[in-house]
N, C-alpha and C. Protein backbone atom coordinates (compact mmCIF):
# COMPACT_ATOMS: atom_id res chain seq x y z
N UNK A 1 1.06 -1.27 0.00
CA UNK A 1 -0.14 -0.05 0.47
C UNK A 1 0.74 1.29 0.15
N UNK A 2 0.19 2.15 -0.57
CA UNK A 2 1.28 3.60 -0.64
C UNK A 2 0.68 4.26 0.86
N UNK A 3 1.93 4.67 1.08
CA UNK A 3 1.69 5.97 2.30
C UNK A 3 1.02 7.04 2.15
N UNK A 4 0.06 7.13 3.08
CA UNK A 4 -0.86 7.79 3.25
C UNK A 4 0.12 9.42 3.36
N UNK A 5 -0.59 10.56 2.65
CA UNK A 5 -0.18 12.06 2.43
C UNK A 5 -0.04 12.24 4.47
N UNK A 6 0.29 13.25 4.63
CA UNK A 6 0.16 13.55 6.23
C UNK A 6 -0.61 14.88 5.97
N UNK A 7 -1.65 14.74 7.00
CA UNK A 7 -2.29 15.71 7.03
C UNK A 7 -1.89 17.53 6.92
N UNK A 8 -2.70 18.33 6.62
CA UNK A 8 -1.61 19.57 6.41
C UNK A 8 -3.02 20.21 7.59
N UNK A 9 -1.69 20.88 8.59
CA UNK A 9 -2.70 21.48 9.28
C UNK A 9 -2.02 23.39 9.39
N UNK A 10 -2.79 24.03 10.03
CA UNK A 10 -2.31 25.50 9.59
C UNK A 10 -3.64 26.06 9.08
N UNK A 11 -3.65 27.40 9.12
CA UNK A 11 -4.39 28.16 8.42
C UNK A 11 -3.66 28.29 6.98
N UNK A 12 -2.52 27.88 6.62
CA UNK A 12 -2.97 28.17 5.01
C UNK A 12 -3.90 27.61 4.21
N UNK A 13 -4.29 26.42 4.29
CA UNK A 13 -5.24 25.62 3.46
C UNK A 13 -6.89 26.59 3.86
N UNK A 14 -6.93 26.96 4.51
CA UNK A 14 -8.31 27.83 5.04
C UNK A 14 -8.14 29.56 4.00
N UNK A 15 -7.03 29.99 4.10
CA UNK A 15 -6.55 31.03 3.84
C UNK A 15 -6.79 30.67 1.95
N UNK A 16 -6.33 29.62 1.65
CA UNK A 16 -6.25 29.99 0.11
C UNK A 16 -7.38 29.27 -0.55
N UNK A 17 -8.37 28.48 0.30
CA UNK A 17 -9.53 28.28 -0.09
C UNK A 17 -10.30 29.68 0.27
N UNK A 18 -10.41 30.28 1.43
CA UNK A 18 -11.23 31.50 1.23
C UNK A 18 -10.99 32.52 0.21
N UNK A 19 -9.56 32.81 -0.50
CA UNK A 19 -9.12 33.25 -1.51
C UNK A 19 -9.73 33.08 -2.55
N UNK A 20 -9.80 31.66 -2.99
CA UNK A 20 -10.09 31.35 -4.10
C UNK A 20 -12.06 31.67 -4.25
N UNK A 21 -12.44 31.68 -3.00
CA UNK A 21 -14.03 31.84 -3.08
C UNK A 21 -14.39 33.05 -3.48
N UNK A 22 -13.53 34.39 -2.22
CA UNK A 22 -13.59 35.50 -2.94
C UNK A 22 -13.19 35.81 -4.42
N UNK A 23 -11.99 35.37 -4.95
CA UNK A 23 -12.39 35.47 -6.33
C UNK A 23 -13.35 34.97 -7.10
N UNK A 24 -13.70 33.67 -7.17
CA UNK A 24 -14.74 33.06 -7.67
C UNK A 24 -16.20 34.36 -7.85
N UNK A 25 -16.51 34.60 -6.39
CA UNK A 25 -17.48 35.25 -6.36
C UNK A 25 -17.26 36.90 -7.35
N UNK A 26 -16.18 37.26 -6.75
CA UNK A 26 -15.96 38.60 -7.84
C UNK A 26 -15.70 38.25 -9.00
N UNK A 27 -15.61 37.39 -10.18
CA UNK A 27 -15.92 37.13 -11.56
C UNK A 27 -17.10 36.63 -11.53
N UNK A 28 -17.76 35.85 -10.65
CA UNK A 28 -19.50 36.20 -11.03
C UNK A 28 -20.15 36.87 -10.40
N UNK A 29 -19.95 37.90 -10.09
CA UNK A 29 -20.89 39.01 -9.84
C UNK A 29 -21.37 39.62 -11.22
N UNK A 30 -20.53 40.23 -12.14
CA UNK A 30 -20.80 40.64 -13.45
C UNK A 30 -22.00 39.59 -13.90
N UNK A 31 -21.38 38.71 -13.66
CA UNK A 31 -22.21 37.45 -14.74
C UNK A 31 -23.66 37.27 -13.93
N UNK A 32 -23.73 37.34 -12.77
CA UNK A 32 -25.20 37.44 -11.59
C UNK A 32 -26.29 38.87 -12.05
N UNK A 33 -25.54 39.97 -12.09
CA UNK A 33 -25.90 41.28 -12.55
C UNK A 33 -26.93 41.10 -14.19
N UNK A 34 -26.95 40.21 -14.53
CA UNK A 34 -27.48 40.07 -15.87
C UNK A 34 -27.24 41.15 -16.89
N UNK A 35 -27.28 40.61 -18.23
CA UNK A 35 -27.15 41.55 -19.30
C UNK A 35 -28.67 42.85 -19.46
N UNK A 36 -28.66 44.18 -19.67
CA UNK A 36 -30.02 44.95 -20.03
C UNK A 36 -30.88 44.40 -21.03
N UNK A 37 -29.85 44.06 -21.86
CA UNK A 37 -30.98 43.55 -23.05
C UNK A 37 -31.69 42.43 -22.61
N UNK A 38 -31.35 41.26 -21.97
CA UNK A 38 -31.83 39.98 -21.92
C UNK A 38 -32.95 40.34 -20.76
N UNK A 39 -32.75 41.31 -19.70
CA UNK A 39 -33.54 41.61 -18.62
C UNK A 39 -34.69 42.31 -19.33
N UNK A 40 -34.41 42.69 -20.13
CA UNK A 40 -35.31 44.06 -21.06
C UNK A 40 -36.70 43.02 -21.79
N UNK A 41 -35.84 42.10 -22.24
CA UNK A 41 -36.44 41.01 -23.61
C UNK A 41 -37.76 40.04 -22.22
N UNK A 42 -37.08 39.69 -21.30
CA UNK A 42 -37.69 39.01 -19.87
C UNK A 42 -39.03 39.87 -19.66
N UNK A 43 -38.95 41.17 -19.32
CA UNK A 43 -39.77 42.09 -19.20
C UNK A 43 -40.60 42.58 -19.86
N UNK A 44 -40.23 42.46 -21.24
CA UNK A 44 -41.15 43.05 -22.14
C UNK A 44 -41.94 41.61 -22.49
N UNK A 45 -41.44 40.70 -22.31
CA UNK A 45 -42.27 38.90 -22.59
C UNK A 45 -43.59 38.76 -21.80
N UNK A 46 -43.44 39.34 -20.28
CA UNK A 46 -43.97 39.53 -19.51
C UNK A 46 -45.20 40.37 -19.44
N UNK A 47 -45.16 41.44 -20.27
CA UNK A 47 -46.27 42.91 -20.50
C UNK A 47 -46.93 42.42 -21.35
N UNK A 48 -47.86 43.03 -21.30
CA UNK A 48 -48.99 42.96 -22.69
C UNK A 48 -49.16 44.27 -23.64
N UNK A 49 -49.15 44.17 -24.67
CA UNK A 49 -48.58 45.01 -25.36
C UNK A 49 -50.17 46.07 -25.72
N UNK A 50 -50.32 47.54 -25.89
CA UNK A 50 -51.59 47.79 -25.76
C UNK A 50 -51.72 48.30 -27.63
N UNK A 51 -50.59 47.93 -28.34
CA UNK A 51 -50.69 48.17 -29.36
C UNK A 51 -50.95 47.13 -30.76
N UNK A 52 -50.88 45.94 -29.63
CA UNK A 52 -51.15 44.78 -30.66
C UNK A 52 -52.01 43.77 -29.49
N UNK A 53 -53.28 43.77 -29.86
CA UNK A 53 -54.09 43.10 -28.76
C UNK A 53 -53.72 41.74 -28.69
N UNK A 54 -53.60 41.19 -27.35
CA UNK A 54 -53.40 39.70 -27.34
C UNK A 54 -51.91 39.20 -27.40
N UNK A 55 -50.94 40.18 -27.55
CA UNK A 55 -49.72 39.91 -27.70
C UNK A 55 -48.73 40.73 -26.44
N UNK A 56 -47.75 40.14 -25.95
CA UNK A 56 -46.94 40.77 -25.53
C UNK A 56 -45.91 42.00 -26.10
N UNK A 57 -45.24 42.63 -25.42
CA UNK A 57 -44.75 43.89 -26.14
C UNK A 57 -43.03 43.30 -26.74
N UNK A 58 -42.74 42.01 -26.38
CA UNK A 58 -41.64 41.18 -26.99
C UNK A 58 -42.32 40.93 -28.20
N UNK A 59 -43.71 40.20 -28.45
CA UNK A 59 -43.92 39.87 -29.61
C UNK A 59 -44.59 40.36 -30.95
N UNK A 60 -44.83 41.96 -29.85
CA UNK A 60 -45.53 42.85 -30.85
C UNK A 60 -44.86 43.31 -31.87
N UNK A 61 -45.32 43.33 -33.31
CA UNK A 61 -44.47 43.91 -34.38
C UNK A 61 -44.40 45.53 -34.49
N UNK A 62 -44.92 46.35 -33.71
CA UNK A 62 -45.41 47.85 -34.06
C UNK A 62 -44.01 48.95 -33.41
N UNK A 63 -43.88 49.42 -34.39
CA UNK A 63 -42.91 50.56 -34.18
C UNK A 63 -43.19 51.14 -32.83
N UNK A 64 -44.42 51.39 -32.27
CA UNK A 64 -44.80 51.87 -30.63
C UNK A 64 -43.99 51.24 -29.76
N UNK A 65 -44.15 49.56 -29.98
CA UNK A 65 -43.72 48.71 -29.14
C UNK A 65 -42.35 48.48 -28.92
N UNK A 66 -41.70 48.52 -30.54
CA UNK A 66 -40.35 48.50 -30.40
C UNK A 66 -39.58 50.25 -29.73
N UNK A 67 -40.03 51.15 -29.68
CA UNK A 67 -39.66 52.45 -28.96
C UNK A 67 -39.74 52.04 -27.19
N UNK A 68 -40.94 51.10 -27.20
CA UNK A 68 -41.20 50.92 -25.16
C UNK A 68 -40.05 49.87 -25.05
N UNK A 69 -39.92 48.76 -25.98
CA UNK A 69 -38.99 47.98 -25.93
C UNK A 69 -37.40 49.06 -25.67
N UNK A 70 -37.22 49.67 -26.21
CA UNK A 70 -36.13 50.44 -26.32
C UNK A 70 -35.79 51.25 -24.84
N UNK A 71 -37.06 51.91 -24.34
CA UNK A 71 -37.22 52.44 -23.24
C UNK A 71 -36.93 51.75 -21.88
N UNK A 72 -37.40 50.41 -22.23
CA UNK A 72 -37.17 49.40 -21.18
C UNK A 72 -35.90 49.13 -20.63
N UNK A 73 -35.45 48.95 -21.97
CA UNK A 73 -33.78 48.48 -21.92
C UNK A 73 -32.90 49.61 -21.37
N UNK A 74 -32.80 50.74 -21.66
CA UNK A 74 -32.42 51.81 -21.40
C UNK A 74 -32.53 52.32 -19.94
N UNK A 75 -33.69 52.28 -19.56
CA UNK A 75 -34.16 52.34 -17.95
C UNK A 75 -33.48 51.01 -17.22
N UNK A 76 -33.40 49.53 -17.46
CA UNK A 76 -32.46 48.87 -16.91
C UNK A 76 -31.21 49.15 -16.61
N UNK A 77 -30.52 49.62 -17.62
CA UNK A 77 -29.43 49.81 -18.04
C UNK A 77 -29.07 51.11 -17.13
N UNK A 78 -30.08 51.89 -16.87
CA UNK A 78 -29.49 53.13 -15.99
C UNK A 78 -29.88 52.69 -14.13
N UNK A 79 -30.19 51.39 -14.18
CA UNK A 79 -30.34 51.21 -12.76
C UNK A 79 -32.11 51.11 -12.32
N UNK A 80 -32.88 51.26 -13.27
CA UNK A 80 -34.65 51.59 -12.77
C UNK A 80 -35.13 50.28 -12.59
N UNK A 81 -35.89 50.32 -11.19
CA UNK A 81 -36.31 48.96 -10.89
C UNK A 81 -37.44 48.84 -11.73
N UNK A 82 -38.10 46.99 -11.94
CA UNK A 82 -38.66 46.68 -13.19
C UNK A 82 -40.16 47.45 -12.59
N UNK A 83 -40.39 47.43 -11.11
CA UNK A 83 -41.81 48.38 -10.16
C UNK A 83 -42.01 49.72 -11.11
N UNK A 84 -40.45 50.03 -11.21
CA UNK A 84 -40.88 51.78 -11.78
C UNK A 84 -40.78 51.86 -13.08
N UNK A 85 -40.58 50.77 -13.49
CA UNK A 85 -40.59 50.78 -15.13
C UNK A 85 -41.95 50.54 -15.76
N UNK A 86 -42.24 49.54 -14.79
CA UNK A 86 -44.07 48.97 -15.16
C UNK A 86 -44.70 49.90 -14.78
N UNK A 87 -44.47 50.74 -13.72
CA UNK A 87 -45.82 52.10 -13.35
C UNK A 87 -45.37 53.22 -14.48
N UNK A 88 -44.29 53.66 -14.96
CA UNK A 88 -44.30 54.50 -15.82
C UNK A 88 -44.80 54.06 -17.41
N UNK A 89 -44.43 52.80 -17.73
CA UNK A 89 -45.41 52.12 -18.91
C UNK A 89 -46.95 52.41 -18.62
N UNK A 90 -47.30 51.95 -17.50
CA UNK A 90 -48.76 52.23 -17.39
C UNK A 90 -49.33 53.43 -17.17
N UNK A 91 -48.64 54.19 -16.96
CA UNK A 91 -49.26 55.59 -16.96
C UNK A 91 -49.53 55.92 -18.26
N UNK A 92 -48.93 55.55 -19.17
CA UNK A 92 -48.49 56.22 -20.66
C UNK A 92 -49.82 55.72 -21.31
N UNK A 93 -50.53 54.37 -20.67
CA UNK A 93 -51.72 54.05 -21.19
C UNK A 93 -52.51 53.61 -20.13
N UNK A 94 -53.41 54.87 -19.20
CA UNK A 94 -53.92 54.33 -18.32
C UNK A 94 -55.29 53.15 -18.49
N UNK A 95 -55.97 53.11 -19.31
CA UNK A 95 -57.21 52.40 -19.87
C UNK A 95 -56.74 51.07 -20.18
N UNK A 96 -55.28 50.31 -20.38
CA UNK A 96 -54.82 49.17 -20.49
C UNK A 96 -54.14 49.06 -19.52
N UNK A 97 -54.32 47.51 -19.26
CA UNK A 97 -53.61 46.68 -17.70
C UNK A 97 -52.36 46.10 -18.93
N UNK A 98 -51.40 46.93 -18.86
CA UNK A 98 -49.87 45.89 -19.49
C UNK A 98 -49.65 44.58 -18.61
N UNK A 99 -50.07 44.55 -17.30
CA UNK A 99 -49.73 43.23 -16.67
C UNK A 99 -49.97 42.14 -17.28
N UNK A 100 -51.19 42.17 -17.97
CA UNK A 100 -52.20 41.34 -18.54
C UNK A 100 -52.89 40.33 -17.05
N UNK A 101 -53.48 40.99 -16.33
CA UNK A 101 -53.92 40.05 -15.03
C UNK A 101 -55.23 40.32 -15.85
N UNK A 102 -56.25 39.12 -15.84
CA UNK A 102 -57.61 39.06 -16.64
C UNK A 102 -58.50 39.46 -15.27
N UNK A 103 -59.54 40.33 -15.67
CA UNK A 103 -60.54 40.72 -14.44
C UNK A 103 -61.72 40.45 -14.59
N UNK A 104 -62.29 40.71 -13.48
CA UNK A 104 -64.03 40.48 -13.76
C UNK A 104 -64.26 39.24 -12.87
N UNK A 105 -65.82 38.90 -12.76
CA UNK A 105 -66.19 38.24 -11.89
C UNK A 105 -65.98 36.62 -12.53
N UNK A 106 -66.08 36.29 -13.77
CA UNK A 106 -65.61 35.13 -14.04
C UNK A 106 -64.23 34.38 -14.22
N UNK A 107 -63.36 35.35 -13.74
CA UNK A 107 -62.09 35.07 -14.19
C UNK A 107 -61.79 34.09 -13.04
N UNK A 108 -62.17 34.41 -11.93
CA UNK A 108 -61.83 33.28 -10.62
C UNK A 108 -63.00 32.27 -10.47
N UNK A 109 -64.15 33.02 -10.92
CA UNK A 109 -65.82 31.93 -10.34
C UNK A 109 -65.47 31.11 -11.87
N UNK A 110 -65.18 30.55 -12.80
CA UNK A 110 -65.41 29.53 -13.44
C UNK A 110 -64.02 28.80 -13.01
N UNK A 111 -63.01 28.93 -12.62
CA UNK A 111 -61.90 28.00 -12.08
C UNK A 111 -62.47 27.30 -10.71
N UNK A 112 -62.95 28.23 -9.96
CA UNK A 112 -63.85 27.72 -8.78
C UNK A 112 -65.26 26.94 -9.23
N UNK A 113 -65.77 27.28 -10.35
CA UNK A 113 -66.85 26.11 -10.38
C UNK A 113 -66.68 24.82 -10.77
N UNK A 114 -65.28 24.68 -11.70
CA UNK A 114 -64.80 23.78 -11.85
C UNK A 114 -64.36 22.71 -11.08
N UNK A 115 -63.95 23.36 -10.01
CA UNK A 115 -63.25 22.58 -8.74
C UNK A 115 -64.43 21.90 -8.25
N UNK A 116 -65.40 22.73 -7.84
CA UNK A 116 -66.77 22.20 -7.22
C UNK A 116 -67.32 21.33 -8.06
N UNK A 117 -67.46 21.08 -9.65
CA UNK A 117 -68.37 20.33 -10.06
C UNK A 117 -67.32 18.93 -9.95
N UNK A 118 -65.89 19.02 -10.40
CA UNK A 118 -64.67 17.89 -9.73
C UNK A 118 -65.28 17.20 -8.80
N UNK A 119 -65.22 18.40 -7.47
CA UNK A 119 -65.67 17.34 -6.16
C UNK A 119 -66.82 16.63 -6.18
N UNK A 120 -67.94 17.14 -6.52
CA UNK A 120 -69.27 16.37 -6.66
C UNK A 120 -68.95 15.33 -7.11
N UNK A 121 -68.31 15.34 -8.44
CA UNK A 121 -68.40 14.14 -9.65
C UNK A 121 -67.99 13.05 -8.84
N UNK A 122 -66.83 12.99 -7.97
CA UNK A 122 -65.64 12.49 -7.46
C UNK A 122 -66.63 11.68 -6.36
N UNK A 123 -67.55 12.28 -5.29
CA UNK A 123 -68.01 12.12 -4.48
C UNK A 123 -69.33 10.98 -4.81
N UNK A 124 -69.58 11.53 -5.92
CA UNK A 124 -71.07 10.84 -6.98
C UNK A 124 -70.57 9.38 -6.85
N UNK A 125 -69.44 9.17 -7.73
CA UNK A 125 -69.07 8.28 -8.16
C UNK A 125 -68.35 7.34 -6.99
N UNK A 126 -67.70 8.08 -5.87
CA UNK A 126 -67.57 7.16 -4.64
C UNK A 126 -69.22 6.37 -4.15
N UNK A 127 -69.95 7.32 -3.63
CA UNK A 127 -70.79 6.43 -3.36
C UNK A 127 -71.50 5.49 -4.25
N UNK A 128 -71.58 5.69 -5.47
CA UNK A 128 -72.27 4.62 -6.38
C UNK A 128 -71.14 3.36 -6.22
N UNK A 129 -69.95 3.88 -6.16
CA UNK A 129 -69.49 2.50 -6.14
C UNK A 129 -69.30 1.49 -4.84
N UNK A 130 -69.87 2.39 -3.31
CA UNK A 130 -70.16 1.91 -2.17
C UNK A 130 -71.28 1.42 -2.21
N UNK A 131 -72.12 1.76 -2.76
CA UNK A 131 -73.54 0.96 -2.78
C UNK A 131 -73.44 -0.32 -3.73
N UNK A 132 -72.90 -0.23 -4.64
CA UNK A 132 -72.85 -1.62 -5.93
C UNK A 132 -71.88 -2.56 -4.50
N UNK A 133 -70.78 -2.26 -3.94
CA UNK A 133 -70.53 -3.04 -3.39
C UNK A 133 -71.24 -3.96 -1.73
N UNK A 134 -72.14 -2.97 -1.33
CA UNK A 134 -73.18 -2.92 -0.12
C UNK A 134 -73.89 -4.58 -0.68
N UNK A 135 -74.31 -4.43 -1.74
CA UNK A 135 -75.19 -5.74 -2.21
C UNK A 135 -74.74 -7.29 -1.83
N UNK A 136 -72.99 -6.78 -2.23
CA UNK A 136 -72.46 -8.49 -2.14
C UNK A 136 -71.52 -8.76 -1.06
N UNK A 137 -71.36 -9.63 -0.46
CA UNK A 137 -70.81 -9.90 0.81
C UNK A 137 -69.77 -10.00 0.52
N UNK A 138 -68.76 -9.94 1.10
CA UNK A 138 -67.14 -9.74 1.48
C UNK A 138 -66.97 -11.01 2.04
N UNK A 139 -67.85 -11.98 2.71
CA UNK A 139 -67.53 -12.97 3.41
C UNK A 139 -67.54 -14.09 2.35
N UNK A 140 -66.93 -15.19 2.49
CA UNK A 140 -67.02 -16.16 1.16
C UNK A 140 -68.32 -17.04 1.40
N UNK A 141 -68.51 -17.55 0.25
CA UNK A 141 -69.98 -18.33 0.11
C UNK A 141 -69.80 -19.65 1.30
N UNK A 142 -71.10 -19.80 1.86
CA UNK A 142 -70.93 -21.37 2.25
C UNK A 142 -70.62 -22.45 1.59
N UNK A 143 -70.44 -23.62 2.69
CA UNK A 143 -69.76 -25.05 1.69
C UNK A 143 -70.62 -25.45 1.29
N UNK A 144 -70.13 -26.11 0.05
CA UNK A 144 -71.14 -27.30 -0.29
C UNK A 144 -71.05 -28.67 0.48
N UNK A 145 -72.22 -29.07 0.81
CA UNK A 145 -71.98 -30.54 1.74
C UNK A 145 -71.47 -31.34 1.05
N UNK A 146 -71.87 -31.71 -0.46
CA UNK A 146 -71.74 -32.68 -1.00
C UNK A 146 -70.23 -32.44 -1.15
N UNK A 147 -69.58 -31.33 -1.35
CA UNK A 147 -68.08 -31.20 -1.79
C UNK A 147 -66.95 -31.83 -1.04
N UNK A 148 -67.79 -31.14 0.87
CA UNK A 148 -67.26 -31.45 1.76
C UNK A 148 -67.38 -33.06 1.98
N UNK A 149 -68.25 -34.04 1.75
CA UNK A 149 -68.30 -35.24 1.80
C UNK A 149 -67.35 -35.62 0.91
N UNK A 150 -67.19 -35.36 -0.50
CA UNK A 150 -66.15 -35.85 -1.45
C UNK A 150 -65.05 -35.35 -0.81
N UNK A 151 -64.26 -34.80 -0.13
CA UNK A 151 -62.98 -34.21 0.59
C UNK A 151 -63.01 -34.99 1.47
N UNK A 152 -63.55 -35.40 2.00
CA UNK A 152 -63.26 -36.66 3.56
C UNK A 152 -62.91 -37.79 2.87
N UNK A 153 -63.65 -38.18 1.78
CA UNK A 153 -63.40 -39.64 1.00
C UNK A 153 -62.35 -39.51 0.68
N UNK A 154 -62.09 -38.79 -0.15
CA UNK A 154 -60.36 -38.90 -1.09
C UNK A 154 -59.45 -38.32 0.25
N UNK A 155 -59.61 -37.67 1.38
CA UNK A 155 -58.33 -37.52 2.44
C UNK A 155 -58.40 -39.25 2.75
N UNK A 156 -59.47 -39.63 3.05
CA UNK A 156 -59.74 -41.18 3.75
C UNK A 156 -58.86 -42.21 2.74
N UNK A 157 -58.78 -42.15 1.31
CA UNK A 157 -57.87 -43.02 0.98
C UNK A 157 -56.61 -43.04 0.87
N UNK A 158 -56.07 -41.30 1.11
CA UNK A 158 -54.81 -41.06 1.24
C UNK A 158 -54.04 -41.46 2.45
N UNK A 159 -54.83 -42.25 3.54
CA UNK A 159 -54.71 -42.43 4.93
C UNK A 159 -54.24 -44.19 4.60
């Protein structure tokens, strides 16, 4: 067998590990900050366009949407938060919800109605299954006397 290396004692290993960790974080920080163009595209893909009904700012091909995408990119590069950017864009079109959150009484009513209907369906099927099992006995059927006699006769022959 090969001899084991002697354990390293002291703070040298700890210091080297800490230095490597600091260097790794220093190089990773710019990558974690994100590219303003990518962040702008991500935000534009989550906001509804007032210029192309049913489409996001990212997918809208109008010139106005292009201007808004450019504004988003510039604001992100300047360090403006997403909340402020959304507020600025919303102020441009007060009658349009750029977040795309549906509203109205049926928005939450329809899914709630579907859940209730599914629950009632499961309850009905379960109740019906229990009733159909209720008529049948879970115990085995009684013994046939002729079969018991034949079994006794066969066992007597074996002895």
